Amino acid sequence: MAEAAFDYIVTGAGSAGCAVAARLSESGKYRVLLLEAGPPDRNRWIHVPMGFSRVYADPKVNWMYDSEPEEQLENRTMYSPRGKVLGGTSSINGMVYMRGNHGDYDEWRQRGCTGWDFDSVLPFFKKAENRLKGGDEFHGTGGPLTVTDREPGHDLTDAVIAGMVEYGLPRNPDVNGAAQEGAGYFQATTGNSKRWSTATAYLAPARDRGNLVVRPNSMATRVVIENGIATGVEYRENGVPRVSSARKEVIVCGGVFNSPQLLQLSGVGPGALLQQFGIQVVRDIPAVGAHMQDHFYVRHAYRSTPGATMNELANSLPRQAIAYARYLLFKSGPLAANGVPAGGFARSDPRLERPDLQFNFSPFSYAFRGPKGAVAHEFPGFSLSAIHLKPDARGTVTLKSPDPLAAPAIKFNFLNTHYDLQALMTGMKMVRAFTQQPSLARYVVEEVLPGPHVQTDADYEKAIRQNALSNLHPVGTCRMGPEGSGAVVDPRLRVFGVGGLRVVDASVMPSVPAGNTNAPTIMIAEKAAAMILEDAAQR
């Protein structure tokens, strides 16, 4: 079933898609269609910051992808949750607001991505941001995305930061400010004690615009490409096949897994792969679905002294009832905060120019209950994770079937180099050293994971291969770069060789930033929308 044409069609109402659609419809000049495979964001646990554990494995709002078996990890699969709901992964993530290192973006520019150095992207970070603490050289106010600073005064969290400082990391009051290295409180995409997803930040204020049409439960299945130009999108709305045409552009915002999948289904990708599934090759681009990069981490869990962790809440129905009532009545208490309040950044080798390790603190500890579930330990506990930020590993996302409803094949290829293994081993040893410092040691009763038996390098390696996981920050499957560089899109995010088609999401990142990837994805959406509007004005 066909319908009237739109100026722009945006596929995927996630971290990037909501922002792009809102900005393109802002002036009222252009008619915009926003398609989202999942439902509206009405699940109450989406909006409660500490409720993210309730949507971590909820198939109603989550794609719940699994990777292919990873040979270097004893053939384990990696669970890879992605948001399938308005707001996308920004509606189910841990709400950490992290930009990465300034040098990450300067490196993008050095790779030929003109206009993506830190000085060029900073205005778009600031444009998106409404930092409640106030603006400065590095932060904005008045933007759609509310950002909250966690203040000192939480005993265990303060002790974790102090332990890192006693070990030797500098104290850092703002990891999104002038310097990244050091320990401190993290910022969060929360406001008024609720999650600030892009559906809340960008889409909710735009929903009443007559020129913006939002279609939840509408999965894009193919970009229509005629004579080398994207002219529309085929999709299924509540299972019913439909097609809409785009007068100007189709903007693919499906994320690092779904964007390459949609391009491949549309005939844009590795020619041999597409022919294998009987898909007509519109444009042979081998890099579609290639070059995936992700952070890799190992979690340390500790039994702690009573009174300071979320485990006690998770294991007590009366405490849960009190916490929920406190949240409903006063928008305060443990449910009002996200689960990763603090951490730090360091270098695994002092010769490195910038940090390649991140440490995340969480005031709870847990055991896995199957690959997609977790249960809090029955004792007070907390977790400290060592995360490798600059892995050499490169993975792939490819079709497993020509059926657009089938999940793609995801392969991370973790631990394929000596550096990737050594950096994470160093991070684990640093975590242990943090917990032995005076400020934090008084809270530690015992190490539960990986356990005191892990002592030699061989022990550490075994623990990594058996327990390390994706940190859920994959990027790069439609990476940008100059023509001829093996990229999928140019620095204005236009797909090479196909007119009227762009990709705007984390898949265009040429390398993964040193930190959580949601804020950089929103920055990319802001910059992309500005470029799209600029190009439209010049036509």
Protein backbone atom coordinates (compact mmCIF):
# COMPACT_ATOMS: atom_id res chain seq x y z
CA MET A 1 0.00 0.00 0.00
CA ALA A 2 1.51 3.33 -1.07
CA GLU A 3 0.87 6.74 0.45
CA ALA A 4 1.68 10.39 -0.16
CA ALA A 5 5.35 11.30 -0.45
CA PHE A 6 7.51 12.69 2.32
CA ASP A 7 10.56 14.88 1.97
CA TYR A 8 12.60 12.69 4.31
CA ILE A 9 12.11 9.17 5.60
CA VAL A 10 14.07 8.18 8.71
CA THR A 11 14.28 4.46 9.46
CA GLY A 12 14.77 3.74 13.16
CA ALA A 13 13.58 5.96 16.03
CA GLY A 14 16.58 5.33 18.25
CA SER A 15 19.33 7.48 19.70
CA ALA A 16 20.05 9.04 16.30
CA GLY A 17 16.72 8.69 14.53
CA CYS A 18 14.64 10.64 17.05
CA ALA A 19 17.14 13.51 16.99
CA VAL A 20 17.38 13.59 13.19
CA ALA A 21 13.62 13.50 12.66
CA ALA A 22 13.02 16.20 15.26
CA ARG A 23 15.62 18.53 13.76
CA LEU A 24 14.48 18.00 10.16
CA SER A 25 10.86 18.74 11.08
CA GLU A 26 11.72 21.70 13.31
CA SER A 27 11.18 24.46 10.75
CA GLY A 28 7.90 23.04 9.47
CA LYS A 29 9.25 23.27 5.94
CA TYR A 30 9.77 19.56 5.35
CA ARG A 31 7.46 16.57 5.73
CA VAL A 32 9.21 13.80 7.69
CA LEU A 33 8.29 10.15 8.27
CA LEU A 34 9.92 8.35 11.20
CA LEU A 35 9.66 4.55 11.23
CA GLU A 36 10.31 2.43 14.33
CA ALA A 37 10.10 -1.37 14.44
CA GLY A 38 9.19 -1.37 18.14
CA PRO A 39 6.32 0.05 20.19
CA PRO A 40 5.91 3.45 21.89
CA ASP A 41 7.99 3.94 25.05
CA ARG A 42 5.12 3.33 27.49
CA ASN A 43 6.80 0.65 29.58
CA ARG A 44 7.07 2.32 33.00
CA TRP A 45 10.46 0.75 33.73
CA ILE A 46 11.98 2.55 30.77
CA HIS A 47 11.54 5.85 32.56
CA VAL A 48 12.72 4.81 36.05
CA PRO A 49 16.52 5.15 36.02
CA MET A 50 17.24 2.06 38.11
CA GLY A 51 14.59 0.20 36.12
CA PHE A 52 16.97 -0.46 33.25
CA SER A 53 17.53 -3.98 34.58
CA ARG A 54 13.85 -4.69 33.85
CA VAL A 55 14.25 -3.92 30.12
CA TYR A 56 17.71 -5.45 29.68
CA ALA A 57 16.12 -8.67 28.43
CA ASP A 58 12.51 -7.73 27.67
CA PRO A 59 11.66 -8.86 24.11
CA LYS A 60 8.80 -6.35 23.95
CA VAL A 61 11.30 -3.45 23.79
CA ASN A 62 14.59 -5.18 23.02
CA TRP A 63 15.96 -6.97 19.95
CA MET A 64 17.89 -9.29 22.30
CA TYR A 65 20.51 -10.23 19.73
CA ASP A 66 23.13 -12.90 20.23
CA SER A 67 26.47 -13.05 18.49
CA GLU A 68 27.81 -16.06 16.68
CA PRO A 69 30.11 -18.28 18.80
CA GLU A 70 33.44 -16.59 19.52
CA GLU A 71 36.37 -18.95 19.01
CA GLN A 72 38.75 -17.03 21.29
CA LEU A 73 36.18 -17.11 24.12
CA GLU A 74 35.59 -20.86 24.30
CA ASN A 75 32.84 -20.53 21.68
CA ARG A 76 30.66 -18.43 23.94
CA THR A 77 28.06 -16.16 22.36
CA MET A 78 27.80 -12.51 23.35
CA TYR A 79 24.37 -11.21 24.36
CA SER A 80 23.83 -7.90 22.56
CA PRO A 81 20.69 -6.05 23.69
CA ARG A 82 19.49 -3.23 21.42
CA GLY A 83 16.44 -1.04 21.91
CA LYS A 84 13.36 -1.97 19.89
CA VAL A 85 11.16 0.91 21.03
CA LEU A 86 10.84 4.65 20.55
CA GLY A 87 14.16 6.01 21.78
CA GLY A 88 15.97 2.82 20.74
CA THR A 89 18.88 1.86 22.93
CA SER A 90 18.70 5.23 24.71
CA SER A 91 15.48 3.82 26.22
CA ILE A 92 17.13 0.71 27.68
CA ASN A 93 20.79 1.64 28.34
CA GLY A 94 22.59 2.55 31.56
CA MET A 95 22.23 6.33 30.92
CA VAL A 96 25.92 7.14 31.26
CA TYR A 97 26.70 10.41 29.48
CA MET A 98 30.21 10.00 28.10
CA ARG A 99 31.80 11.66 25.09
CA GLY A 100 35.14 9.90 24.88
CA ASN A 101 38.56 11.43 24.48
CA HIS A 102 39.17 14.62 22.50
CA GLY A 103 41.86 12.73 20.59
CA ASP A 104 39.31 10.19 19.33
CA TYR A 105 37.72 12.81 17.09
CA ASP A 106 41.00 14.35 16.02
CA GLU A 107 41.93 10.83 14.90
CA TRP A 108 38.74 10.68 12.83
CA ARG A 109 39.87 13.84 11.06
CA GLN A 110 43.33 12.38 10.51
CA ARG A 111 41.65 9.43 8.78
CA GLY A 112 40.10 11.80 6.27
CA CYS A 113 36.79 12.55 7.99
CA THR A 114 36.87 16.31 7.43
CA GLY A 115 34.78 18.24 9.94
CA TRP A 116 34.86 15.55 12.63
CA ASP A 117 37.79 16.71 14.78
CA PHE A 118 36.98 17.57 18.38
CA ASP A 119 36.78 21.32 17.85
CA SER A 120 34.28 20.72 15.04
CA VAL A 121 32.04 18.29 16.93
CA LEU A 122 32.06 20.09 20.30
CA PRO A 123 29.40 22.63 19.21
CA PHE A 124 27.04 19.74 18.42
CA PHE A 125 27.67 18.06 21.76
CA LYS A 126 26.82 21.38 23.39
CA LYS A 127 23.81 21.99 21.13
CA ALA A 128 22.29 18.68 22.23
CA GLU A 129 22.99 19.18 25.93
CA ASN A 130 21.09 20.72 28.79
CA ARG A 131 23.49 20.28 31.67
CA LEU A 132 21.60 21.02 34.86
CA LYS A 133 24.79 22.06 36.64
CA GLY A 134 25.31 24.79 34.06
CA GLY A 135 27.29 25.36 30.90
CA ASP A 136 30.96 26.09 30.40
CA GLU A 137 33.62 25.74 27.73
CA PHE A 138 32.77 22.07 27.25
CA HIS A 139 29.08 21.87 28.21
CA GLY A 140 25.84 23.31 26.88
CA THR A 141 22.55 24.33 28.43
CA GLY A 142 19.12 24.66 26.87
CA GLY A 143 19.47 21.67 24.55
CA PRO A 144 16.98 18.79 24.39
CA LEU A 145 19.13 16.22 26.25
CA THR A 146 19.14 16.71 30.01
CA VAL A 147 22.42 15.76 31.67
CA THR A 148 22.77 15.41 35.44
CA ASP A 149 25.97 15.48 37.52
CA ARG A 150 26.12 13.10 40.44
CA GLU A 151 27.35 14.92 43.52
CA PRO A 152 29.61 13.50 46.29
CA GLY A 153 28.05 12.20 49.48
CA HIS A 154 27.59 8.49 48.71
CA ASP A 155 29.90 6.57 51.03
CA LEU A 156 30.80 3.58 48.88
CA THR A 157 30.98 5.57 45.64
CA ASP A 158 33.21 8.17 47.28
CA ALA A 159 35.39 5.34 48.61
CA VAL A 160 35.79 3.84 45.12
CA ILE A 161 36.92 7.19 43.72
CA ALA A 162 39.25 7.71 46.68
CA GLY A 163 40.74 4.24 46.19
CA MET A 164 41.53 5.01 42.57
CA VAL A 165 43.12 8.29 43.57
CA GLU A 166 45.17 6.62 46.31
CA TYR A 167 46.37 4.14 43.71
CA GLY A 168 47.64 7.02 41.58
CA LEU A 169 44.91 8.20 39.22
CA PRO A 170 44.27 11.94 39.28
CA ARG A 171 40.94 13.09 40.65
CA ASN A 172 38.84 14.27 37.73
CA PRO A 173 35.80 16.46 38.44
CA ASP A 174 34.53 16.18 34.84
CA VAL A 175 35.49 13.27 32.56
CA ASN A 176 33.70 15.15 29.74
CA GLY A 177 35.73 18.29 30.32
CA ALA A 178 39.28 19.37 29.57
CA ALA A 179 40.89 15.99 30.32
CA GLN A 180 39.66 12.41 30.49
CA GLU A 181 42.25 10.55 32.53
CA GLY A 182 41.48 10.12 36.21
CA ALA A 183 38.70 9.09 38.60
CA GLY A 184 35.43 10.76 39.43
CA TYR A 185 31.68 10.80 39.25
CA PHE A 186 30.04 10.16 35.89
CA GLN A 187 27.28 12.24 34.34
CA ALA A 188 23.94 10.72 33.37
CA THR A 189 21.19 11.32 30.83
CA THR A 190 18.59 11.75 33.54
CA GLY A 191 16.45 14.67 34.61
CA ASN A 192 13.71 15.13 37.19
CA SER A 193 14.74 11.65 38.39
CA LYS A 194 13.76 9.93 35.15
CA ARG A 195 15.55 8.61 32.08
CA TRP A 196 16.16 11.21 29.39
CA SER A 197 16.06 9.11 26.21
CA THR A 198 16.01 10.70 22.78
CA ALA A 199 12.30 9.87 22.64
CA THR A 200 11.85 12.08 25.69
CA ALA A 201 14.41 14.69 24.68
CA TYR A 202 13.67 15.12 20.98
CA LEU A 203 10.55 13.28 19.96
CA ALA A 204 8.09 14.19 22.71
CA PRO A 205 8.34 17.98 22.06
CA ALA A 206 7.98 17.37 18.30
CA ARG A 207 5.05 14.93 18.25
CA ASP A 208 2.42 17.62 17.70
CA ARG A 209 4.06 18.93 14.54
CA GLY A 210 1.79 18.35 11.55
CA ASN A 211 4.77 17.73 9.29
CA LEU A 212 6.20 14.89 11.41
CA VAL A 213 4.60 11.45 11.14
CA VAL A 214 5.83 8.85 13.65
CA ARG A 215 5.02 5.22 12.94
CA PRO A 216 5.84 2.76 15.75
CA ASN A 217 5.54 -0.97 15.09
CA SER A 218 6.74 -0.26 11.55
CA MET A 219 9.85 -2.13 10.49
CA ALA A 220 11.77 -0.96 7.44
CA THR A 221 12.45 -3.97 5.20
CA ARG A 222 14.02 -2.40 2.09
CA VAL A 223 15.18 0.95 0.80
CA VAL A 224 13.74 1.44 -2.67
CA ILE A 225 16.55 2.41 -5.04
CA GLU A 226 15.75 3.41 -8.63
CA ASN A 227 18.46 4.31 -11.15
CA GLY A 228 20.98 4.62 -8.34
CA ILE A 229 18.85 6.95 -6.20
CA ALA A 230 16.97 6.11 -2.99
CA THR A 231 13.34 7.01 -3.61
CA GLY A 232 11.46 5.43 -0.73
CA VAL A 233 11.18 2.69 1.87
CA GLU A 234 9.25 -0.55 2.07
CA TYR A 235 8.13 -1.42 5.61
CA ARG A 236 5.70 -3.50 7.58
CA GLU A 237 3.32 -1.64 9.86
CA ASN A 238 1.85 -4.10 12.35
CA GLY A 239 2.71 -6.79 9.82
CA VAL A 240 1.00 -5.05 6.88
CA PRO A 241 3.33 -4.30 3.92
CA ARG A 242 3.52 -0.61 3.02
CA VAL A 243 5.74 1.67 0.97
CA SER A 244 6.38 5.41 1.28
CA SER A 245 8.32 7.61 -1.11
CA ALA A 246 10.95 10.21 -0.26
CA ARG A 247 11.33 13.32 -2.40
CA LYS A 248 14.71 14.27 -0.94
CA GLU A 249 16.45 11.57 1.11
CA VAL A 250 16.17 8.30 2.99
CA ILE A 251 18.14 8.41 6.24
CA VAL A 252 18.99 5.02 7.74
CA CYS A 253 19.25 5.17 11.55
CA GLY A 254 18.89 1.52 12.50
CA GLY A 255 22.06 1.27 14.55
CA VAL A 256 25.23 -0.76 14.24
CA PHE A 257 23.40 -4.05 13.59
CA ASN A 258 20.24 -3.04 11.77
CA SER A 259 21.66 -0.36 9.46
CA PRO A 260 24.05 -2.69 7.61
CA GLN A 261 21.33 -5.34 7.58
CA LEU A 262 18.87 -2.96 5.90
CA LEU A 263 21.47 -1.80 3.37
CA GLN A 264 22.30 -5.41 2.50
CA LEU A 265 18.60 -6.27 2.13
CA SER A 266 18.35 -3.28 -0.22
CA GLY A 267 21.18 -4.46 -2.46
CA VAL A 268 23.94 -2.29 -1.00
CA GLY A 269 26.80 -4.32 0.45
CA PRO A 270 29.24 -7.12 -0.34
CA GLY A 271 28.15 -8.33 -3.79
CA ALA A 272 29.01 -12.00 -3.27
CA LEU A 273 27.05 -12.14 -0.02
CA LEU A 274 23.99 -10.51 -1.56
CA GLN A 275 24.04 -12.86 -4.54
CA GLN A 276 24.24 -15.79 -2.14
CA PHE A 277 20.80 -14.79 -0.86
CA GLY A 278 19.35 -13.91 -4.25
CA ILE A 279 19.41 -10.15 -3.62
CA GLN A 280 20.03 -7.96 -6.66
CA VAL A 281 23.27 -6.03 -6.22
CA VAL A 282 22.58 -2.30 -6.51
CA ARG A 283 25.96 -1.19 -5.24
CA ASP A 284 28.82 -3.51 -4.32
CA ILE A 285 30.31 -2.03 -1.12
CA PRO A 286 32.34 -4.68 0.74
CA ALA A 287 32.61 -2.52 3.90
CA VAL A 288 28.87 -2.66 4.66
CA GLY A 289 28.77 -4.76 7.83
CA ALA A 290 32.55 -4.89 8.20
CA HIS A 291 35.04 -3.21 10.55
CA MET A 292 32.85 -3.51 13.66
CA GLN A 293 34.68 -2.44 16.81
CA ASP A 294 33.47 -2.75 20.40
CA HIS A 295 34.71 -2.35 23.95
CA PHE A 296 35.48 -5.53 25.86
CA TYR A 297 35.32 -5.94 29.64
CA VAL A 298 35.74 -8.15 32.67
CA ARG A 299 33.65 -7.61 35.79
CA HIS A 300 35.07 -8.00 39.29
CA ALA A 301 32.46 -8.65 41.97
CA TYR A 302 33.05 -8.10 45.69
CA ARG A 303 31.23 -9.05 48.85
CA SER A 304 31.09 -5.87 50.88
CA THR A 305 30.22 -4.67 54.34
CA PRO A 306 26.45 -4.23 54.90
CA GLY A 307 24.41 -1.15 54.25
CA ALA A 308 25.83 0.42 51.10
CA THR A 309 24.77 -1.63 48.08
CA MET A 310 21.77 -2.31 45.87
CA ASN A 311 21.95 -6.04 46.65
CA GLU A 312 20.23 -5.40 49.95
CA LEU A 313 17.39 -3.71 48.10
CA ALA A 314 17.15 -6.47 45.48
CA ASN A 315 16.91 -9.14 48.17
CA SER A 316 14.25 -7.49 50.33
CA LEU A 317 10.64 -7.04 49.24
CA PRO A 318 9.91 -4.52 52.05
CA ARG A 319 12.90 -2.41 51.01
CA GLN A 320 11.78 -2.58 47.38
CA ALA A 321 8.30 -1.38 48.34
CA ILE A 322 9.72 1.51 50.34
CA ALA A 323 12.09 2.48 47.52
CA TYR A 324 9.30 2.38 44.93
CA ALA A 325 7.00 4.47 47.13
CA ARG A 326 9.82 6.95 47.73
CA TYR A 327 10.37 7.22 44.00
CA LEU A 328 6.68 7.69 43.19
CA LEU A 329 6.07 10.24 45.93
CA PHE A 330 9.30 12.19 46.02
CA LYS A 331 11.27 11.20 42.89
CA SER A 332 14.21 10.29 45.12
CA GLY A 333 16.00 7.30 46.59
CA PRO A 334 17.89 4.44 44.96
CA LEU A 335 15.52 4.09 41.99
CA ALA A 336 16.17 7.68 40.93
CA ALA A 337 19.82 7.10 40.01
CA ASN A 338 21.40 5.11 37.23
CA GLY A 339 23.50 2.08 38.05
CA VAL A 340 26.97 3.34 37.04
CA PRO A 341 27.63 6.47 39.12
CA ALA A 342 31.43 6.66 38.96
CA GLY A 343 34.64 5.25 37.60
CA GLY A 344 37.89 6.23 36.00
CA PHE A 345 40.21 6.21 32.99
CA ALA A 346 43.82 5.09 32.78
CA ARG A 347 46.48 3.83 30.39
CA SER A 348 47.48 0.17 30.31
CA ASP A 349 50.96 1.32 29.25
CA PRO A 350 52.43 4.71 30.29
CA ARG A 351 53.80 5.11 26.78
CA LEU A 352 50.30 5.47 25.34
CA GLU A 353 49.16 8.97 24.42
CA ARG A 354 45.71 8.62 25.98
CA PRO A 355 43.68 6.22 28.15
CA ASP A 356 42.79 2.81 26.77
CA LEU A 357 41.13 1.53 29.97
CA GLN A 358 37.87 2.54 31.62
CA PHE A 359 36.71 1.41 35.06
CA ASN A 360 33.01 1.30 35.90
CA PHE A 361 31.69 1.06 39.45
CA SER A 362 28.22 -0.32 40.16
CA PRO A 363 26.74 -0.56 43.68
CA PHE A 364 25.49 -4.10 43.12
CA SER A 365 26.90 -7.52 42.25
CA TYR A 366 25.21 -10.41 40.54
CA ALA A 367 25.48 -13.86 39.04
CA PHE A 368 24.23 -14.66 35.57
CA ARG A 369 21.03 -16.68 35.33
CA GLY A 370 21.37 -17.90 31.79
CA PRO A 371 22.97 -15.76 29.05
CA LYS A 372 20.39 -12.96 29.26
CA GLY A 373 19.46 -12.73 32.90
CA ALA A 374 21.14 -11.87 36.17
CA VAL A 375 20.27 -12.23 39.83
CA ALA A 376 21.74 -10.19 42.66
CA HIS A 377 24.01 -12.03 45.04
CA GLU A 378 22.36 -12.79 48.37
CA PHE A 379 24.94 -10.73 50.23
CA PRO A 380 25.91 -7.03 50.08
CA GLY A 381 28.13 -6.54 47.06
CA PHE A 382 29.43 -4.22 44.38
CA SER A 383 31.12 -4.52 40.99
CA LEU A 384 34.16 -2.90 39.41
CA SER A 385 34.68 -3.55 35.72
CA ALA A 386 37.84 -3.18 33.67
CA ILE A 387 37.02 -2.17 30.09
CA HIS A 388 39.41 -2.17 27.15
CA LEU A 389 38.60 0.92 25.08
CA LYS A 390 40.88 0.49 22.06
CA PRO A 391 40.73 -3.16 20.98
CA ASP A 392 42.38 -4.32 17.78
CA ALA A 393 39.51 -6.75 17.20
CA ARG A 394 37.24 -6.08 14.22
CA GLY A 395 33.94 -7.87 13.72
CA THR A 396 31.21 -8.21 11.13
CA VAL A 397 27.44 -7.98 10.73
CA THR A 398 26.03 -9.95 7.80
CA LEU A 399 22.76 -11.39 6.63
CA LYS A 400 21.89 -14.90 7.67
CA SER A 401 18.73 -14.89 5.58
CA PRO A 402 16.98 -12.72 2.98
CA ASP A 403 14.07 -12.55 5.43
CA PRO A 404 14.15 -9.00 6.88
CA LEU A 405 12.65 -10.29 10.12
CA ALA A 406 15.55 -12.68 10.72
CA ALA A 407 18.38 -11.54 13.00
CA PRO A 408 21.72 -10.81 11.32
CA ALA A 409 24.91 -12.76 12.00
CA ILE A 410 27.02 -10.80 14.51
CA LYS A 411 30.68 -11.68 15.01
CA PHE A 412 32.95 -9.64 17.32
CA ASN A 413 36.24 -11.55 16.93
CA PHE A 414 37.44 -10.49 20.37
CA LEU A 415 40.98 -11.27 21.61
CA ASN A 416 42.65 -11.78 18.26
CA THR A 417 45.81 -9.88 19.28
CA HIS A 418 48.31 -9.98 22.15
CA TYR A 419 47.63 -6.30 22.95
CA ASP A 420 43.90 -6.88 23.46
CA LEU A 421 44.65 -9.60 25.99
CA GLN A 422 47.45 -7.78 27.80
CA ALA A 423 45.54 -4.50 28.14
CA LEU A 424 42.57 -6.23 29.76
CA MET A 425 44.83 -8.23 32.08
CA THR A 426 46.45 -4.96 33.17
CA GLY A 427 43.01 -3.50 33.82
CA MET A 428 42.06 -6.43 36.01
CA LYS A 429 45.21 -6.07 38.07
CA MET A 430 44.48 -2.37 38.51
CA VAL A 431 40.95 -3.12 39.75
CA ARG A 432 42.40 -5.38 42.42
CA ALA A 433 44.89 -2.68 43.38
CA PHE A 434 42.08 -0.13 43.75
CA THR A 435 40.26 -2.37 46.23
CA GLN A 436 43.40 -2.74 48.33
CA GLN A 437 43.73 1.00 48.95
CA PRO A 438 42.81 2.23 52.46
CA SER A 439 39.65 4.12 51.53
CA LEU A 440 38.06 1.19 49.69
CA ALA A 441 39.61 -1.81 51.44
CA ARG A 442 37.51 -1.23 54.55
CA TYR A 443 34.36 -1.98 52.50
CA VAL A 444 35.71 -5.17 50.92
CA VAL A 445 35.02 -8.52 52.59
CA GLU A 446 36.16 -10.78 49.74
CA GLU A 447 36.52 -10.97 45.98
CA VAL A 448 33.80 -13.16 44.50
CA LEU A 449 34.63 -12.79 40.79
CA PRO A 450 36.94 -13.73 39.22
CA GLY A 451 38.06 -15.01 42.64
CA PRO A 452 41.22 -15.13 44.74
CA HIS A 453 42.46 -18.22 42.88
CA VAL A 454 43.28 -16.00 39.89
CA GLN A 455 46.93 -15.09 40.46
CA THR A 456 49.15 -15.89 37.48
CA ASP A 457 48.94 -14.45 33.98
CA ALA A 458 47.64 -17.81 32.82
CA ASP A 459 44.86 -17.53 35.42
CA TYR A 460 43.98 -14.04 34.25
CA GLU A 461 43.89 -15.15 30.63
CA LYS A 462 41.60 -18.05 31.46
CA ALA A 463 39.29 -15.75 33.43
CA ILE A 464 39.08 -13.38 30.48
CA ARG A 465 38.35 -16.10 27.95
CA GLN A 466 35.67 -17.59 30.21
CA ASN A 467 34.03 -14.43 31.53
CA ALA A 468 34.80 -11.29 29.49
CA LEU A 469 31.91 -9.73 27.58
CA SER A 470 31.00 -7.12 25.02
CA ASN A 471 30.54 -3.79 26.75
CA LEU A 472 27.66 -3.11 24.33
CA HIS A 473 29.32 -0.23 22.49
CA PRO A 474 29.65 -1.61 18.94
CA VAL A 475 30.34 0.85 16.11
CA GLY A 476 31.71 1.06 12.60
CA THR A 477 29.66 -1.28 10.38
CA CYS A 478 28.89 1.56 7.94
CA ARG A 479 31.97 3.59 8.72
CA MET A 480 32.69 6.97 7.18
CA GLY A 481 35.80 8.01 5.34
CA PRO A 482 37.04 9.51 2.10
CA GLU A 483 36.17 7.84 -1.19
CA GLY A 484 38.46 4.95 -1.99
CA SER A 485 39.32 4.32 1.66
CA GLY A 486 37.10 1.28 2.09
CA ALA A 487 34.36 3.30 3.79
CA VAL A 488 30.59 3.10 3.31
CA VAL A 489 29.68 6.78 3.68
CA ASP A 490 31.54 10.02 3.05
CA PRO A 491 32.14 12.62 5.81
CA ARG A 492 28.67 14.03 5.11
CA LEU A 493 27.34 10.51 5.78
CA ARG A 494 26.14 9.96 2.18
CA VAL A 495 26.36 6.37 0.97
CA PHE A 496 28.93 6.08 -1.80
CA GLY A 497 27.35 5.51 -5.20
CA VAL A 498 23.71 5.84 -4.13
CA GLY A 499 22.00 9.21 -4.32
CA GLY A 500 19.59 10.41 -1.66
CA LEU A 501 20.76 7.88 0.93
CA ARG A 502 22.58 8.52 4.21
CA VAL A 503 23.39 6.53 7.31
CA VAL A 504 23.26 8.36 10.65
CA ASP A 505 24.05 6.39 13.81
CA ALA A 506 26.95 4.70 15.62
CA SER A 507 27.63 2.50 12.59
CA VAL A 508 29.31 5.44 10.80
CA MET A 509 32.00 5.91 13.46
CA PRO A 510 35.42 5.13 11.92
CA SER A 511 36.66 3.96 15.34
CA VAL A 512 35.06 3.51 18.73
CA PRO A 513 35.41 6.48 21.13
CA ALA A 514 37.07 5.88 24.49
CA GLY A 515 33.88 5.82 26.53
CA ASN A 516 30.17 5.10 26.31
CA THR A 517 28.77 5.65 22.83
CA ASN A 518 25.28 7.09 23.32
CA ALA A 519 26.34 10.74 23.63
CA PRO A 520 28.59 10.54 20.53
CA THR A 521 25.71 8.97 18.58
CA ILE A 522 23.43 11.86 19.50
CA MET A 523 26.17 14.31 18.51
CA ILE A 524 26.43 12.59 15.12
CA ALA A 525 22.66 12.98 14.68
CA GLU A 526 22.82 16.69 15.49
CA LYS A 527 25.68 17.28 13.04
CA ALA A 528 24.04 15.13 10.37
CA ALA A 529 20.74 17.01 10.61
CA ALA A 530 22.59 20.29 10.20
CA MET A 531 24.40 18.95 7.12
CA ILE A 532 21.18 17.58 5.60
CA LEU A 533 19.41 20.92 6.04
CA GLU A 534 22.44 22.75 4.66
CA ASP A 535 22.49 20.52 1.58
CA ALA A 536 18.74 20.99 1.07
CA ALA A 537 19.13 24.78 1.17
CA GLN A 538 21.78 24.64 -1.56
CA ARG A 539 19.70 22.60 -4.00
